[in-house]
Structure formats: C-alpha cells, structure tokens
C-alpha cells in the first residue's frame, strides 16, 4: 500500500535523474565496492545501483546483531534476492562493548566503529577498491556520532557526494522498483532506549515485541516505542494520535505494549518525533504532552519529574 504522506516531495525528475547519473559515474570510477547495507532505503538504493553498474564487482554486507529488527533483517535479504545483489551477512558484537552498552550518548559511534572494524578488513581481503555507506545529504546536518566512525575507517558516502537527499532517494528508488521506497525509517532497536538506559538483549527484544504488536493493531507509518527504563513511551504518526487516545483503542494500545513486557505505558500526544529519545522530557508532566495509559478508562498525566 502506498503511503501518500511519504511520497517524495515535488522534485524535478531531471534533477533526480542527473544525480543518479552522477552516482553511476562515481561508482564506475571506483571499479569495485563493498556496501555497508542496513536494509533501509538509502543503502538499498546504493546497493542496487552499484550492482547495476558494477555487477559482481560489488558486495552488500549486512551487520547482524540483537539490535537488528527481524523485519528489517528479512527485507534486507529479500531486496538482495529480488535484485540479484551479491549479499553477505556478518555478525557484529557491539553488545560486548561496555561503552556501547552504557548508552551514554555515543552509542551510535561505538556501533559503527564495530561495523567498520569488521567490514574494512573484509573489503581488503576480497580486493574491493572502496567501502561505502548510505549516508545522504540530509544526514550531514544532523547529529550523527556514527559518521565519525565512518570517517576514521575511510568510508565513502557516494549518495551524499552526489547530492542525493531523502526525497531524491525515495524518488529514485521508486523509479527503480525498490519496494521500500516509501517505508518508514527503521534505525536499530538500540535507538529506542533513552540515554543512560543500558543496552541489553532483553530490552531490545521487549521493544521489538511492543512495536510488532502495535503494527499488528494496524498502525502504519512512523512508530516508536521508547524504552525509558521504567516505562514505555509510545510515539505514533501525529495524524493518528487522537484516534488511539480514545477508548477502546487506547486500552488495546496499552494492552499490546504491556504484554510485551512493560509495566507502565505512556502515550506521547505530540506523536513521533525524530531523536526524541535523547531529549529531556521533564516538562511533559506540566504540559500534558505525555499521558499514562497503563490502566483505567481515563489517562493520568505523567507524574511530575519523570523523564
């Protein structure tokens, strides 16, 4: 089903075509390439176009650990299979790193450092001329600690270099027939844990169970279950919050998240907000932006001082 809200913003087809042409030329100039494949639309487009240009002289590698959601894992495999992209999986062990587990704010750096430490030697052994990721222009203006790890490892970002934005990527992926062109962003499960909440396999599994249960209720689009340590804060697409705040849907939402293993369930009335898990939420109790829906017909405001 096409998500109209996620359709690329109006952009010149010629402009997108020009950027993709530059991308193809840039890939051809490298001769061979190993792509760090995440299963998202950005790296999917890169992998497919790289295969179009380089054929068997490219390889897409997916890092696999407990932080990779099962549905993202499955779709990465499916895309590689459907487009004939040479594909390999490699286990990563970021959860063995105490700095990653501590989740102090640089978790993404620790994760990417582990990934590139695995992929860079592989690229050398297999004789690939370059190692690339799916970074796009939009990412360059955002706080992304993982970019530093890529820079240290000499990772190339051809999509960004050729000027592709998220809208360009979605438009190009749609034209190329990549089925996830309009899929919601799907960062790793660890991104749902609030800063300071240590990363464990059980917490990651709990988040995944909760989000899967909410999808089963029919919720589509951007959805997050934020793990706050003692509670789950649910963020839904902004346009659907009012619908799910009303009984009996609120009760169904709370029951689904509670069954996943959370004792308390909170609903963020502002809807999905990118990166909100790392922001301070102490004003929520006073503004009523976050309400408790754990039990009872009427939601209670989040207790004062809860982050």
Protein backbone atom coordinates (compact mmCIF):
# COMPACT_ATOMS: atom_id res chain seq x y z
CA UNK A 1 0.00 0.00 0.00
CA UNK A 2 1.39 3.41 -0.99
CA UNK A 3 1.91 5.81 1.90
CA UNK A 4 0.88 9.12 0.32
CA UNK A 5 2.35 11.11 3.19
CA UNK A 6 5.68 9.51 2.39
CA UNK A 7 5.65 10.15 -1.34
CA UNK A 8 8.67 12.21 -2.41
CA UNK A 9 8.08 15.96 -2.32
CA UNK A 10 7.74 17.57 -5.73
CA UNK A 11 11.15 17.45 -7.34
CA UNK A 12 12.35 17.71 -10.88
CA UNK A 13 12.64 14.26 -12.47
CA UNK A 14 15.53 15.65 -14.50
CA UNK A 15 17.28 16.73 -11.30
CA UNK A 16 16.90 13.27 -9.75
CA UNK A 17 18.00 11.64 -12.98
CA UNK A 18 21.04 13.88 -13.10
CA UNK A 19 22.04 12.96 -9.55
CA UNK A 20 21.61 9.25 -10.25
CA UNK A 21 23.73 9.62 -13.38
CA UNK A 22 26.46 11.25 -11.30
CA UNK A 23 26.12 8.41 -8.81
CA UNK A 24 26.52 5.80 -11.52
CA UNK A 25 29.59 7.57 -12.88
CA UNK A 26 31.10 7.84 -9.41
CA UNK A 27 30.54 4.15 -8.74
CA UNK A 28 32.02 3.19 -12.10
CA UNK A 29 35.12 5.24 -11.34
CA UNK A 30 35.83 3.16 -8.24
CA UNK A 31 35.80 -0.12 -10.14
CA UNK A 32 34.61 -2.23 -7.22
CA UNK A 33 32.77 -1.60 -3.97
CA UNK A 34 31.71 -3.13 -0.66
CA UNK A 35 28.49 -1.55 0.62
CA UNK A 36 27.58 -1.45 4.31
CA UNK A 37 23.93 -2.44 3.88
CA UNK A 38 21.45 -1.59 6.64
CA UNK A 39 18.22 -2.73 5.00
CA UNK A 40 16.97 0.85 4.75
CA UNK A 41 16.02 2.65 1.55
CA UNK A 42 19.23 4.70 1.32
CA UNK A 43 21.67 1.80 1.37
CA UNK A 44 19.20 -0.31 -0.64
CA UNK A 45 19.30 2.23 -3.48
CA UNK A 46 23.09 2.38 -3.26
CA UNK A 47 23.40 -1.41 -3.35
CA UNK A 48 21.02 -1.82 -6.28
CA UNK A 49 22.60 0.94 -8.38
CA UNK A 50 26.08 -0.30 -7.52
CA UNK A 51 25.08 -3.73 -8.76
CA UNK A 52 23.60 -2.20 -11.92
CA UNK A 53 26.93 -0.51 -12.59
CA UNK A 54 29.50 -2.93 -11.20
CA UNK A 55 27.80 -6.31 -11.43
CA UNK A 56 29.67 -8.94 -9.43
CA UNK A 57 32.39 -6.42 -8.57
CA UNK A 58 30.33 -5.27 -5.61
CA UNK A 59 29.09 -6.83 -2.37
CA UNK A 60 26.43 -5.68 0.09
CA UNK A 61 27.15 -6.72 3.68
CA UNK A 62 24.60 -6.57 6.49
CA UNK A 63 25.80 -6.38 10.09
CA UNK A 64 23.68 -8.69 12.22
CA UNK A 65 23.22 -8.46 15.98
CA UNK A 66 20.44 -8.28 18.57
CA UNK A 67 19.90 -4.61 17.65
CA UNK A 68 18.71 -5.52 14.15
CA UNK A 69 14.93 -5.92 14.00
CA UNK A 70 13.73 -9.18 12.45
CA UNK A 71 11.58 -7.44 9.83
CA UNK A 72 14.49 -5.25 8.70
CA UNK A 73 16.71 -8.33 8.52
CA UNK A 74 14.14 -10.14 6.39
CA UNK A 75 13.61 -7.27 3.98
CA UNK A 76 17.36 -6.79 3.50
CA UNK A 77 17.61 -10.41 2.43
CA UNK A 78 14.57 -10.04 0.18
CA UNK A 79 15.86 -6.94 -1.59
CA UNK A 80 19.23 -8.58 -2.24
CA UNK A 81 17.49 -11.66 -3.59
CA UNK A 82 14.97 -9.76 -5.73
CA UNK A 83 17.62 -7.58 -7.39
CA UNK A 84 20.37 -10.19 -7.59
CA UNK A 85 22.68 -8.13 -5.40
CA UNK A 86 25.70 -10.09 -4.10
CA UNK A 87 24.97 -10.26 -0.39
CA UNK A 88 26.59 -11.44 2.80
CA UNK A 89 25.77 -11.23 6.49
CA UNK A 90 28.37 -10.64 9.17
CA UNK A 91 27.83 -10.93 12.92
CA UNK A 92 28.76 -7.84 14.89
CA UNK A 93 29.37 -7.80 18.62
CA UNK A 94 28.67 -4.28 19.80
CA UNK A 95 26.86 -5.65 22.85
CA UNK A 96 30.20 -6.99 24.07
CA UNK A 97 31.49 -3.40 24.22
CA UNK A 98 30.87 -1.82 27.63
CA UNK A 99 30.93 1.65 26.08
CA UNK A 100 28.11 0.70 23.71
CA UNK A 101 26.12 -0.99 26.46
CA UNK A 102 26.45 2.06 28.73
CA UNK A 103 24.46 4.09 26.18
CA UNK A 104 25.92 7.41 27.24
CA UNK A 105 25.12 9.28 24.03
CA UNK A 106 27.89 8.00 21.78
CA UNK A 107 26.31 4.57 21.29
CA UNK A 108 25.97 5.10 17.54
CA UNK A 109 29.70 5.78 17.26
CA UNK A 110 30.51 2.57 19.13
CA UNK A 111 28.14 0.60 16.90
CA UNK A 112 29.50 1.94 13.62
CA UNK A 113 33.06 1.53 14.85
CA UNK A 114 32.37 -2.17 15.41
CA UNK A 115 30.74 -2.48 11.98
CA UNK A 116 33.57 -0.85 10.06
CA UNK A 117 36.18 -2.75 12.03
CA UNK A 118 34.59 -5.87 10.60
CA UNK A 119 33.91 -4.65 7.07
CA UNK A 120 37.15 -2.79 6.32
CA UNK A 121 39.36 -5.90 6.63
CA UNK A 122 36.80 -7.88 4.62
CA UNK A 123 36.95 -5.32 1.82
CA UNK A 124 40.74 -5.56 1.82
CA UNK A 125 40.78 -9.35 1.78
CA UNK A 126 38.25 -9.51 -1.05
CA UNK A 127 40.04 -6.83 -3.04
CA UNK A 128 37.33 -4.18 -3.14
CA UNK A 129 38.58 -0.72 -4.04
CA UNK A 130 36.22 1.15 -1.71
CA UNK A 131 33.96 0.79 1.30
CA UNK A 132 30.71 2.78 1.19
CA UNK A 133 27.66 3.60 3.28
CA UNK A 134 24.21 5.04 2.61
CA UNK A 135 24.74 8.49 4.13
CA UNK A 136 22.68 11.14 2.31
CA UNK A 137 22.76 14.94 2.21
CA UNK A 138 20.12 15.24 4.96
CA UNK A 139 22.37 13.32 7.36
CA UNK A 140 25.19 15.83 7.06
CA UNK A 141 23.30 18.49 9.02
CA UNK A 142 22.17 16.15 11.80
CA UNK A 143 23.91 14.96 14.94
CA UNK A 144 25.12 11.51 13.92
CA UNK A 145 28.04 10.23 16.00
CA UNK A 146 28.36 7.24 13.70
CA UNK A 147 29.65 9.49 10.91
CA UNK A 148 32.90 9.97 12.81
CA UNK A 149 33.47 6.22 12.93
CA UNK A 150 32.94 6.01 9.18
CA UNK A 151 35.35 8.88 8.57
CA UNK A 152 38.03 7.15 10.65
CA UNK A 153 37.59 3.98 8.61
CA UNK A 154 37.79 5.82 5.30
CA UNK A 155 34.18 5.03 4.39
CA UNK A 156 32.91 6.71 1.23
CA UNK A 157 29.40 8.23 1.09
CA UNK A 158 28.55 8.40 -2.63
CA UNK A 159 24.87 9.33 -2.19
CA UNK A 160 25.78 12.44 -0.21
CA UNK A 161 28.69 13.22 -2.52
CA UNK A 162 26.33 13.19 -5.50
CA UNK A 163 23.83 15.44 -3.74
CA UNK A 164 21.00 12.97 -3.06
CA UNK A 165 18.51 14.00 -0.39
CA UNK A 166 15.94 11.69 1.20
CA UNK A 167 13.32 12.85 -1.29
CA UNK A 168 15.74 12.16 -4.15
CA UNK A 169 16.46 8.69 -2.79
CA UNK A 170 12.77 7.85 -2.43
CA UNK A 171 12.03 9.12 -5.94
CA UNK A 172 14.97 7.21 -7.45
CA UNK A 173 14.12 4.04 -5.51
CA UNK A 174 10.52 4.24 -6.68
CA UNK A 175 11.60 4.57 -10.29
CA UNK A 176 14.00 1.63 -9.90
CA UNK A 177 11.19 -0.50 -8.43
CA UNK A 178 12.66 -0.88 -4.96
CA UNK A 179 9.59 -1.78 -2.86
CA UNK A 180 10.68 0.00 0.32
CA UNK A 181 10.93 3.40 -1.40
CA UNK A 182 8.23 4.75 0.93
CA UNK A 183 8.97 2.66 4.03
CA UNK A 184 9.30 4.41 7.40
CA UNK A 185 12.82 4.86 8.69
CA UNK A 186 13.95 1.81 10.66
CA UNK A 187 17.01 2.59 12.78
CA UNK A 188 18.43 -0.06 15.08
CA UNK A 189 16.44 -1.16 18.11
CA UNK A 190 19.00 0.39 20.47
CA UNK A 191 17.92 3.82 19.22
CA UNK A 192 14.69 3.35 21.20
CA UNK A 193 16.50 3.23 24.54
CA UNK A 194 16.73 6.52 26.40
CA UNK A 195 20.24 7.81 27.00
CA UNK A 196 21.59 6.15 30.14
CA UNK A 197 19.36 3.08 29.91
CA UNK A 198 21.84 0.29 29.40
CA UNK A 199 21.51 -1.83 26.29
CA UNK A 200 20.62 -5.47 26.88
CA UNK A 201 19.27 -8.15 24.58
CA UNK A 202 16.11 -8.40 26.69
CA UNK A 203 15.39 -4.68 26.46
CA UNK A 204 15.89 -4.77 22.70
CA UNK A 205 13.59 -7.77 22.41
CA UNK A 206 10.97 -6.05 24.56
CA UNK A 207 10.95 -3.00 22.30
CA UNK A 208 10.70 -5.18 19.20
CA UNK A 209 7.79 -7.19 20.67
CA UNK A 210 5.96 -3.98 21.54
CA UNK A 211 6.40 -2.38 18.11
CA UNK A 212 5.43 -5.61 16.36
CA UNK A 213 2.29 -5.79 18.50
CA UNK A 214 1.34 -2.22 17.59
CA UNK A 215 1.87 -2.91 13.90
CA UNK A 216 -0.46 -5.89 14.33
CA UNK A 217 -3.14 -3.46 15.54
CA UNK A 218 -2.97 -1.80 12.13
CA UNK A 219 -0.74 1.16 12.97
CA UNK A 220 1.34 2.21 9.95
CA UNK A 221 3.90 4.91 9.30
CA UNK A 222 6.46 6.21 11.78
CA UNK A 223 6.08 4.39 15.08
CA UNK A 224 8.39 4.16 18.09
CA UNK A 225 8.23 2.50 21.49
CA UNK A 226 10.77 4.43 23.56
CA UNK A 227 12.27 2.46 26.47
CA UNK A 228 12.62 4.85 29.41
CA UNK A 229 13.84 2.25 31.87
CA UNK A 230 10.70 2.01 33.99
CA UNK A 231 8.16 2.68 31.25
CA UNK A 232 7.49 2.65 27.52
CA UNK A 233 6.64 5.91 25.77
CA UNK A 234 4.68 5.30 22.60
CA UNK A 235 5.02 7.67 19.65
CA UNK A 236 2.56 7.25 16.79
CA UNK A 237 2.18 9.11 13.49
CA UNK A 238 0.94 12.56 14.53
CA UNK A 239 -2.24 12.26 12.49
CA UNK A 240 -3.37 9.12 14.32
CA UNK A 241 -2.68 10.08 17.94
CA UNK A 242 -6.18 11.41 18.64
CA UNK A 243 -7.74 8.22 17.29
CA UNK A 244 -5.64 5.98 19.56
CA UNK A 245 -6.05 8.24 22.59
CA UNK A 246 -9.76 7.43 22.72
CA UNK A 247 -11.17 4.31 24.35
CA UNK A 248 -11.32 1.45 23.48
CA UNK A 249 -8.33 1.89 21.17
CA UNK A 250 -6.25 3.36 23.97
CA UNK A 251 -6.88 0.23 26.01
CA UNK A 252 -5.84 -2.00 23.10
CA UNK A 253 -2.67 0.01 22.59
CA UNK A 254 -1.78 -0.15 26.28
CA UNK A 255 -2.52 -3.88 26.48
CA UNK A 256 -0.30 -4.63 23.49
CA UNK A 257 2.68 -2.78 24.94
CA UNK A 258 2.06 -4.13 28.44
CA UNK A 259 2.01 -7.69 27.09
CA UNK A 260 5.41 -7.08 25.50
CA UNK A 261 6.87 -6.69 28.98
CA UNK A 262 6.41 -3.05 30.03
CA UNK A 263 4.82 -2.36 33.41
CA UNK A 264 3.89 1.21 32.51
CA UNK A 265 2.75 2.59 29.18
CA UNK A 266 2.83 6.27 28.24
CA UNK A 267 1.43 7.92 25.12
CA UNK A 268 3.12 10.97 23.63
CA UNK A 269 0.38 13.29 22.37
CA UNK A 270 2.85 15.06 20.07
CA UNK A 271 3.30 11.92 18.01
CA UNK A 272 6.52 10.63 16.50
CA UNK A 273 9.49 12.98 16.83
CA UNK A 274 12.83 12.00 15.37
CA UNK A 275 15.52 11.70 18.01
CA UNK A 276 13.18 12.44 20.91
CA UNK A 277 14.55 9.59 22.98
CA UNK A 278 17.69 11.61 23.67
CA UNK A 279 15.88 14.78 24.73
CA UNK A 280 14.85 15.79 28.24
CA UNK A 281 11.16 15.23 28.89
CA UNK A 282 10.80 16.68 32.39
CA UNK A 283 8.32 19.32 31.23
CA UNK A 284 5.93 16.66 29.98
CA UNK A 285 4.12 16.32 33.28
CA UNK A 286 3.31 20.01 33.38
CA UNK A 287 2.35 20.39 29.73
CA UNK A 288 0.35 17.16 29.48
CA UNK A 289 2.26 16.17 26.34
CA UNK A 290 2.75 12.67 27.73
CA UNK A 291 -0.11 10.81 29.39
CA UNK A 292 -0.20 7.50 31.19
CA UNK A 293 -2.47 4.91 29.60
CA UNK A 294 -1.41 1.85 31.58
CA UNK A 295 -4.81 1.22 33.10
CA UNK A 296 -8.19 2.81 33.74
CA UNK A 297 -10.64 4.44 31.37
CA UNK A 298 -9.17 7.92 31.81
CA UNK A 299 -5.47 8.55 31.24
CA UNK A 300 -3.46 10.09 34.05
CA UNK A 301 -0.84 12.72 33.41
CA UNK A 302 2.74 11.51 33.68
CA UNK A 303 3.96 12.06 37.26
CA UNK A 304 5.98 15.21 37.73
CA UNK A 305 9.72 14.79 37.37
CA UNK A 306 9.59 11.65 35.22
CA UNK A 307 11.99 11.73 32.30
